[in-house]
N, C-alpha and C. Protein backbone atom coordinates (compact mmCIF):
# COMPACT_ATOMS: atom_id res chain seq x y z
N ALA A 1 86.67 -76.10 2.35
CA ALA A 1 85.95 -77.31 2.71
C ALA A 1 86.38 -77.80 4.08
N GLU A 2 87.68 -77.79 4.34
CA GLU A 2 88.16 -78.29 5.62
C GLU A 2 87.66 -77.43 6.78
N LEU A 3 87.57 -76.12 6.56
CA LEU A 3 87.06 -75.25 7.62
C LEU A 3 85.58 -75.50 7.88
N GLU A 4 84.82 -75.85 6.84
CA GLU A 4 83.40 -76.13 7.02
C GLU A 4 83.21 -77.31 7.97
N GLU A 5 84.12 -78.27 7.93
CA GLU A 5 84.04 -79.43 8.83
C GLU A 5 84.26 -79.01 10.28
N GLN A 6 84.89 -77.87 10.49
CA GLN A 6 85.21 -77.39 11.84
C GLN A 6 84.23 -76.31 12.30
N LEU A 7 83.08 -76.25 11.67
CA LEU A 7 82.11 -75.18 11.93
C LEU A 7 81.79 -75.00 13.41
N HIS A 8 81.70 -76.07 14.16
CA HIS A 8 81.32 -75.98 15.58
C HIS A 8 82.52 -76.12 16.52
N THR A 9 83.71 -75.98 15.98
CA THR A 9 84.94 -76.07 16.78
C THR A 9 85.34 -74.67 17.22
N ARG A 10 85.78 -74.54 18.46
CA ARG A 10 86.25 -73.25 18.95
C ARG A 10 87.54 -72.88 18.20
N VAL A 11 87.71 -71.61 17.93
CA VAL A 11 88.88 -71.13 17.19
C VAL A 11 90.17 -71.55 17.90
N ALA A 12 90.18 -71.49 19.21
CA ALA A 12 91.38 -71.86 19.98
C ALA A 12 91.75 -73.34 19.79
N GLU A 13 90.80 -74.15 19.35
CA GLU A 13 91.06 -75.58 19.17
C GLU A 13 91.48 -75.93 17.74
N LEU A 14 91.48 -74.96 16.84
CA LEU A 14 91.89 -75.21 15.46
C LEU A 14 93.40 -75.39 15.37
N SER A 15 93.84 -76.12 14.36
CA SER A 15 95.28 -76.26 14.12
C SER A 15 95.83 -74.92 13.64
N ILE A 16 97.14 -74.80 13.62
CA ILE A 16 97.76 -73.57 13.13
C ILE A 16 97.32 -73.29 11.70
N ALA A 17 97.37 -74.33 10.86
CA ALA A 17 96.99 -74.16 9.45
C ALA A 17 95.53 -73.72 9.32
N GLN A 18 94.64 -74.35 10.09
CA GLN A 18 93.22 -74.00 10.02
C GLN A 18 93.00 -72.57 10.51
N SER A 19 93.68 -72.18 11.58
CA SER A 19 93.48 -70.82 12.10
C SER A 19 94.03 -69.78 11.12
N ARG A 20 95.11 -70.11 10.40
CA ARG A 20 95.64 -69.19 9.39
C ARG A 20 94.65 -69.04 8.23
N ARG A 21 94.08 -70.16 7.79
CA ARG A 21 93.10 -70.08 6.69
C ARG A 21 91.86 -69.30 7.14
N LEU A 22 91.45 -69.52 8.37
CA LEU A 22 90.31 -68.78 8.90
C LEU A 22 90.61 -67.29 8.94
N ALA A 23 91.80 -66.93 9.40
CA ALA A 23 92.18 -65.52 9.46
C ALA A 23 92.18 -64.91 8.06
N LEU A 24 92.71 -65.64 7.09
CA LEU A 24 92.72 -65.14 5.71
C LEU A 24 91.29 -64.98 5.18
N ALA A 25 90.43 -65.94 5.48
CA ALA A 25 89.03 -65.86 5.04
C ALA A 25 88.35 -64.63 5.66
N ARG A 26 88.61 -64.38 6.94
CA ARG A 26 88.02 -63.21 7.61
C ARG A 26 88.50 -61.91 6.98
N ILE A 27 89.79 -61.88 6.63
CA ILE A 27 90.35 -60.69 5.99
C ILE A 27 89.70 -60.46 4.63
N LEU A 28 89.54 -61.54 3.87
CA LEU A 28 89.00 -61.43 2.51
C LEU A 28 87.55 -60.96 2.50
N MET A 29 86.80 -61.22 3.57
CA MET A 29 85.40 -60.80 3.64
C MET A 29 85.26 -59.29 3.57
N HIS A 30 86.27 -58.56 4.01
CA HIS A 30 86.18 -57.10 4.07
C HIS A 30 86.49 -56.42 2.75
N GLU A 31 86.95 -57.17 1.76
CA GLU A 31 87.24 -56.65 0.43
C GLU A 31 88.14 -55.42 0.45
N SER A 32 89.09 -55.42 1.34
CA SER A 32 90.06 -54.33 1.41
C SER A 32 90.98 -54.38 0.20
N TRP A 33 91.50 -53.24 -0.24
CA TRP A 33 92.39 -53.21 -1.40
C TRP A 33 93.81 -53.60 -1.00
N LEU A 34 94.12 -53.58 0.31
CA LEU A 34 95.46 -53.93 0.79
C LEU A 34 95.36 -54.99 1.87
N LEU A 35 96.10 -56.07 1.67
CA LEU A 35 96.19 -57.13 2.69
C LEU A 35 97.62 -57.17 3.20
N ILE A 36 97.80 -57.20 4.50
CA ILE A 36 99.12 -57.31 5.10
C ILE A 36 99.17 -58.63 5.85
N LEU A 37 100.06 -59.51 5.40
CA LEU A 37 100.19 -60.84 6.00
C LEU A 37 101.59 -60.97 6.60
N ASP A 38 101.65 -61.11 7.91
CA ASP A 38 102.92 -61.20 8.62
C ASP A 38 103.29 -62.66 8.84
N GLU A 39 104.35 -63.11 8.18
CA GLU A 39 104.85 -64.49 8.30
C GLU A 39 103.72 -65.52 8.15
N PRO A 40 102.97 -65.49 7.04
CA PRO A 40 101.82 -66.39 6.91
C PRO A 40 102.18 -67.87 6.84
N PHE A 41 103.44 -68.20 6.55
CA PHE A 41 103.84 -69.60 6.42
C PHE A 41 104.48 -70.16 7.69
N SER A 42 104.72 -69.31 8.66
CA SER A 42 105.38 -69.73 9.89
C SER A 42 104.55 -70.79 10.62
N GLY A 43 105.20 -71.88 10.97
CA GLY A 43 104.54 -72.94 11.72
C GLY A 43 103.71 -73.89 10.88
N LEU A 44 103.69 -73.70 9.56
CA LEU A 44 102.90 -74.58 8.70
C LEU A 44 103.78 -75.68 8.12
N ASP A 45 103.20 -76.87 7.98
CA ASP A 45 103.94 -77.93 7.30
C ASP A 45 103.91 -77.66 5.80
N GLU A 46 104.66 -78.45 5.04
CA GLU A 46 104.81 -78.21 3.60
C GLU A 46 103.47 -78.24 2.86
N LYS A 47 102.61 -79.17 3.20
CA LYS A 47 101.31 -79.28 2.54
C LYS A 47 100.48 -78.02 2.78
N CYS A 48 100.45 -77.57 4.02
CA CYS A 48 99.68 -76.37 4.36
C CYS A 48 100.28 -75.12 3.72
N GLN A 49 101.61 -75.09 3.61
CA GLN A 49 102.25 -73.96 2.92
C GLN A 49 101.80 -73.90 1.47
N ARG A 50 101.75 -75.06 0.80
CA ARG A 50 101.31 -75.09 -0.60
C ARG A 50 99.87 -74.61 -0.72
N GLN A 51 99.01 -75.01 0.24
CA GLN A 51 97.62 -74.56 0.21
C GLN A 51 97.53 -73.04 0.38
N MET A 52 98.34 -72.52 1.30
CA MET A 52 98.35 -71.07 1.53
C MET A 52 98.86 -70.34 0.29
N ILE A 53 99.87 -70.89 -0.36
CA ILE A 53 100.41 -70.29 -1.58
C ILE A 53 99.34 -70.24 -2.66
N ARG A 54 98.58 -71.34 -2.81
CA ARG A 54 97.50 -71.35 -3.81
C ARG A 54 96.46 -70.27 -3.50
N MET A 55 96.14 -70.11 -2.23
CA MET A 55 95.18 -69.08 -1.85
C MET A 55 95.72 -67.69 -2.21
N LEU A 56 97.00 -67.47 -1.96
CA LEU A 56 97.60 -66.17 -2.27
C LEU A 56 97.70 -65.95 -3.77
N GLU A 57 97.97 -67.02 -4.52
CA GLU A 57 98.00 -66.91 -5.98
C GLU A 57 96.62 -66.54 -6.52
N ASP A 58 95.57 -67.08 -5.91
CA ASP A 58 94.21 -66.72 -6.32
C ASP A 58 93.94 -65.24 -6.08
N LEU A 59 94.56 -64.68 -5.06
CA LEU A 59 94.38 -63.25 -4.77
C LEU A 59 95.03 -62.38 -5.84
N ASP A 60 95.99 -62.93 -6.55
CA ASP A 60 96.71 -62.17 -7.57
C ASP A 60 95.75 -61.61 -8.62
N ASN A 61 94.66 -62.28 -8.87
CA ASN A 61 93.68 -61.83 -9.87
C ASN A 61 92.59 -60.95 -9.27
N SER A 62 92.68 -60.63 -8.00
CA SER A 62 91.60 -59.92 -7.33
C SER A 62 91.79 -58.40 -7.27
N GLN A 63 92.82 -57.88 -7.93
CA GLN A 63 93.08 -56.44 -7.92
C GLN A 63 93.35 -55.90 -6.51
N ARG A 64 93.93 -56.72 -5.68
CA ARG A 64 94.30 -56.29 -4.33
C ARG A 64 95.82 -56.28 -4.22
N ALA A 65 96.32 -55.38 -3.42
CA ALA A 65 97.75 -55.38 -3.11
C ALA A 65 97.94 -56.26 -1.88
N VAL A 66 98.92 -57.13 -1.94
CA VAL A 66 99.19 -58.03 -0.81
C VAL A 66 100.63 -57.81 -0.38
N LEU A 67 100.80 -57.44 0.88
CA LEU A 67 102.13 -57.25 1.47
C LEU A 67 102.39 -58.44 2.39
N VAL A 68 103.42 -59.21 2.06
CA VAL A 68 103.75 -60.40 2.84
C VAL A 68 105.11 -60.18 3.48
N THR A 69 105.20 -60.34 4.79
CA THR A 69 106.51 -60.25 5.44
C THR A 69 107.01 -61.65 5.70
N SER A 70 108.31 -61.82 5.53
CA SER A 70 108.93 -63.11 5.79
C SER A 70 110.42 -62.92 5.95
N THR A 71 111.02 -63.74 6.77
CA THR A 71 112.47 -63.73 6.91
C THR A 71 113.09 -64.73 5.95
N ARG A 72 112.25 -65.47 5.22
CA ARG A 72 112.74 -66.50 4.30
C ARG A 72 112.39 -66.13 2.87
N LEU A 73 113.41 -65.84 2.09
CA LEU A 73 113.23 -65.45 0.70
C LEU A 73 112.55 -66.54 -0.12
N ASP A 74 112.85 -67.80 0.16
CA ASP A 74 112.27 -68.90 -0.62
C ASP A 74 110.75 -68.94 -0.52
N GLU A 75 110.20 -68.42 0.56
CA GLU A 75 108.74 -68.38 0.71
C GLU A 75 108.11 -67.32 -0.21
N LEU A 76 108.86 -66.31 -0.53
CA LEU A 76 108.31 -65.17 -1.27
C LEU A 76 108.46 -65.29 -2.78
N VAL A 77 109.48 -66.01 -3.23
CA VAL A 77 109.84 -66.03 -4.64
C VAL A 77 108.68 -66.42 -5.55
N GLY A 78 107.94 -67.45 -5.22
CA GLY A 78 106.87 -67.92 -6.09
C GLY A 78 105.60 -67.09 -6.07
N ILE A 79 105.44 -66.23 -5.08
CA ILE A 79 104.17 -65.52 -4.94
C ILE A 79 104.27 -64.01 -5.08
N CYS A 80 105.48 -63.48 -5.09
CA CYS A 80 105.64 -62.02 -5.11
C CYS A 80 106.16 -61.52 -6.45
N ASP A 81 105.62 -60.39 -6.89
CA ASP A 81 106.12 -59.73 -8.10
C ASP A 81 107.36 -58.90 -7.79
N ARG A 82 107.37 -58.33 -6.58
CA ARG A 82 108.48 -57.47 -6.17
C ARG A 82 108.87 -57.84 -4.74
N ILE A 83 110.13 -57.59 -4.43
CA ILE A 83 110.64 -57.90 -3.09
C ILE A 83 111.24 -56.63 -2.50
N ALA A 84 110.83 -56.32 -1.29
CA ALA A 84 111.42 -55.19 -0.56
C ALA A 84 112.34 -55.78 0.51
N VAL A 85 113.50 -55.19 0.64
CA VAL A 85 114.47 -55.67 1.62
C VAL A 85 114.65 -54.58 2.67
N MET A 86 114.52 -54.97 3.93
CA MET A 86 114.70 -54.04 5.04
C MET A 86 116.02 -54.36 5.73
N GLU A 87 116.78 -53.32 6.03
CA GLU A 87 118.01 -53.46 6.80
C GLU A 87 118.02 -52.36 7.86
N ASP A 88 118.23 -52.75 9.09
CA ASP A 88 118.28 -51.80 10.20
C ASP A 88 117.06 -50.89 10.23
N GLY A 89 115.89 -51.46 9.93
CA GLY A 89 114.65 -50.71 9.99
C GLY A 89 114.39 -49.78 8.82
N ARG A 90 115.22 -49.86 7.80
CA ARG A 90 115.06 -48.99 6.62
C ARG A 90 114.94 -49.84 5.36
N LEU A 91 114.19 -49.32 4.40
CA LEU A 91 114.04 -49.98 3.11
C LEU A 91 115.35 -49.81 2.33
N SER A 92 116.01 -50.93 2.02
CA SER A 92 117.28 -50.84 1.30
C SER A 92 117.14 -51.23 -0.16
N ALA A 93 116.07 -51.94 -0.50
CA ALA A 93 115.86 -52.33 -1.90
C ALA A 93 114.39 -52.65 -2.11
N PHE A 94 113.91 -52.35 -3.31
CA PHE A 94 112.54 -52.69 -3.72
C PHE A 94 112.62 -53.00 -5.20
N VAL A 95 112.76 -54.29 -5.52
CA VAL A 95 113.08 -54.70 -6.89
C VAL A 95 112.18 -55.85 -7.33
N PRO A 96 112.06 -56.03 -8.65
CA PRO A 96 111.31 -57.19 -9.14
C PRO A 96 111.96 -58.50 -8.66
N THR A 97 111.13 -59.47 -8.38
CA THR A 97 111.61 -60.77 -7.89
C THR A 97 112.63 -61.37 -8.84
N ALA A 98 112.44 -61.19 -10.15
CA ALA A 98 113.38 -61.75 -11.13
C ALA A 98 114.79 -61.21 -10.92
N GLU A 99 114.90 -59.92 -10.54
CA GLU A 99 116.23 -59.34 -10.28
C GLU A 99 116.87 -59.99 -9.06
N VAL A 100 116.08 -60.26 -8.05
CA VAL A 100 116.60 -60.91 -6.85
C VAL A 100 117.12 -62.30 -7.21
N LEU A 101 116.35 -63.03 -8.01
CA LEU A 101 116.77 -64.37 -8.41
C LEU A 101 118.05 -64.33 -9.25
N GLN A 102 118.15 -63.35 -10.16
CA GLN A 102 119.36 -63.21 -10.97
C GLN A 102 120.56 -62.90 -10.09
N SER A 103 120.37 -62.04 -9.11
CA SER A 103 121.45 -61.66 -8.21
C SER A 103 121.92 -62.87 -7.40
N ILE A 104 120.96 -63.66 -6.92
CA ILE A 104 121.31 -64.86 -6.15
C ILE A 104 122.04 -65.85 -7.04
N SER A 105 121.54 -66.03 -8.25
CA SER A 105 122.15 -66.96 -9.20
C SER A 105 123.58 -66.53 -9.52
N ALA A 106 123.77 -65.22 -9.77
CA ALA A 106 125.11 -64.71 -10.07
C ALA A 106 126.04 -64.89 -8.88
N GLY A 107 125.53 -64.63 -7.68
CA GLY A 107 126.34 -64.81 -6.47
C GLY A 107 126.71 -66.26 -6.26
N ARG A 108 125.75 -67.16 -6.51
CA ARG A 108 126.00 -68.59 -6.36
C ARG A 108 127.06 -69.05 -7.36
N GLN A 109 126.94 -68.57 -8.61
CA GLN A 109 127.90 -68.95 -9.65
C GLN A 109 129.29 -68.44 -9.28
N GLU A 110 129.36 -67.20 -8.79
CA GLU A 110 130.64 -66.62 -8.39
C GLU A 110 131.25 -67.43 -7.25
N THR A 111 130.42 -67.82 -6.30
CA THR A 111 130.90 -68.63 -5.17
C THR A 111 131.41 -69.97 -5.66
N GLU A 112 130.67 -70.60 -6.58
CA GLU A 112 131.10 -71.90 -7.11
C GLU A 112 132.40 -71.76 -7.88
N GLU A 113 132.53 -70.67 -8.68
CA GLU A 113 133.76 -70.46 -9.44
C GLU A 113 134.94 -70.24 -8.49
N THR A 114 134.73 -69.47 -7.43
CA THR A 114 135.79 -69.23 -6.46
C THR A 114 136.18 -70.53 -5.77
N ALA A 115 135.19 -71.33 -5.41
CA ALA A 115 135.48 -72.62 -4.76
C ALA A 115 136.23 -73.54 -5.71
N LEU A 116 135.82 -73.56 -6.97
CA LEU A 116 136.48 -74.41 -7.96
C LEU A 116 137.92 -73.95 -8.17
N LYS A 117 138.11 -72.64 -8.29
CA LYS A 117 139.46 -72.10 -8.47
C LYS A 117 140.33 -72.46 -7.26
N GLY A 118 139.76 -72.32 -6.08
CA GLY A 118 140.50 -72.66 -4.86
C GLY A 118 140.89 -74.12 -4.82
N SER A 119 139.98 -75.01 -5.24
CA SER A 119 140.29 -76.44 -5.21
C SER A 119 141.32 -76.78 -6.28
N GLN A 120 141.28 -76.08 -7.43
CA GLN A 120 142.28 -76.32 -8.47
C GLN A 120 143.65 -75.86 -8.00
N GLU A 121 143.69 -74.71 -7.31
CA GLU A 121 144.96 -74.23 -6.78
C GLU A 121 145.50 -75.21 -5.75
N LYS A 122 144.62 -75.75 -4.93
CA LYS A 122 145.03 -76.72 -3.91
C LYS A 122 145.58 -77.97 -4.59
N GLU A 123 144.89 -78.43 -5.65
CA GLU A 123 145.38 -79.60 -6.40
C GLU A 123 146.76 -79.33 -6.95
N TYR A 124 146.95 -78.13 -7.50
CA TYR A 124 148.23 -77.76 -8.09
C TYR A 124 149.31 -77.77 -7.02
N GLU A 125 148.97 -77.20 -5.85
CA GLU A 125 149.94 -77.18 -4.75
C GLU A 125 150.32 -78.59 -4.34
N ASP A 126 149.35 -79.49 -4.35
CA ASP A 126 149.61 -80.86 -3.94
C ASP A 126 150.48 -81.61 -4.94
N THR A 127 150.52 -81.16 -6.20
CA THR A 127 151.27 -81.90 -7.21
C THR A 127 152.63 -81.27 -7.52
N ILE A 128 152.96 -80.20 -6.87
CA ILE A 128 154.26 -79.57 -7.11
C ILE A 128 155.36 -80.50 -6.59
N GLU A 129 156.32 -80.73 -7.44
CA GLU A 129 157.44 -81.57 -7.01
C GLU A 129 158.50 -80.68 -6.40
N LEU A 130 158.97 -81.09 -5.29
CA LEU A 130 160.03 -80.34 -4.63
C LEU A 130 161.38 -80.79 -5.17
N GLU A 131 162.27 -79.84 -5.31
CA GLU A 131 163.62 -80.20 -5.74
C GLU A 131 164.31 -80.90 -4.59
N PRO A 132 165.07 -81.92 -4.90
CA PRO A 132 165.77 -82.62 -3.81
C PRO A 132 166.74 -81.68 -3.11
N THR A 133 166.80 -81.82 -1.85
CA THR A 133 167.73 -80.99 -1.08
C THR A 133 169.08 -81.66 -1.04
N GLU A 134 170.10 -80.84 -1.00
CA GLU A 134 171.45 -81.39 -0.93
C GLU A 134 171.73 -81.81 0.49
N GLU A 135 172.30 -82.98 0.62
CA GLU A 135 172.57 -83.50 1.96
C GLU A 135 174.00 -83.35 2.32
């Protein structure tokens, strides 16, 4: 609907969000089985990101494969079934999103446990009583 209001506006004059939606609409017209979207959320405010996510979720039922590149994992978690990780130009992992989330959760818990243990050790060190020295 918002793009319809811009029917007579030059593409160069559209906002980033509008131009991204227009690009996605143009891609969808071709009914390709594979869509490749490079950093589709870059430069979008939170509201526009949510709109783009809804559009991508709608594609989930269209029997199309969608490849989304992003440097931000949080952008991919809600919309991707699987996550591929590239390191030094090579594919290092291709796993279900749930596994990535479990790994992050386990790492976060381990970090919190290590931090807690460290703070408890520090507390213990602070409460050690020193034996009086002989004068």
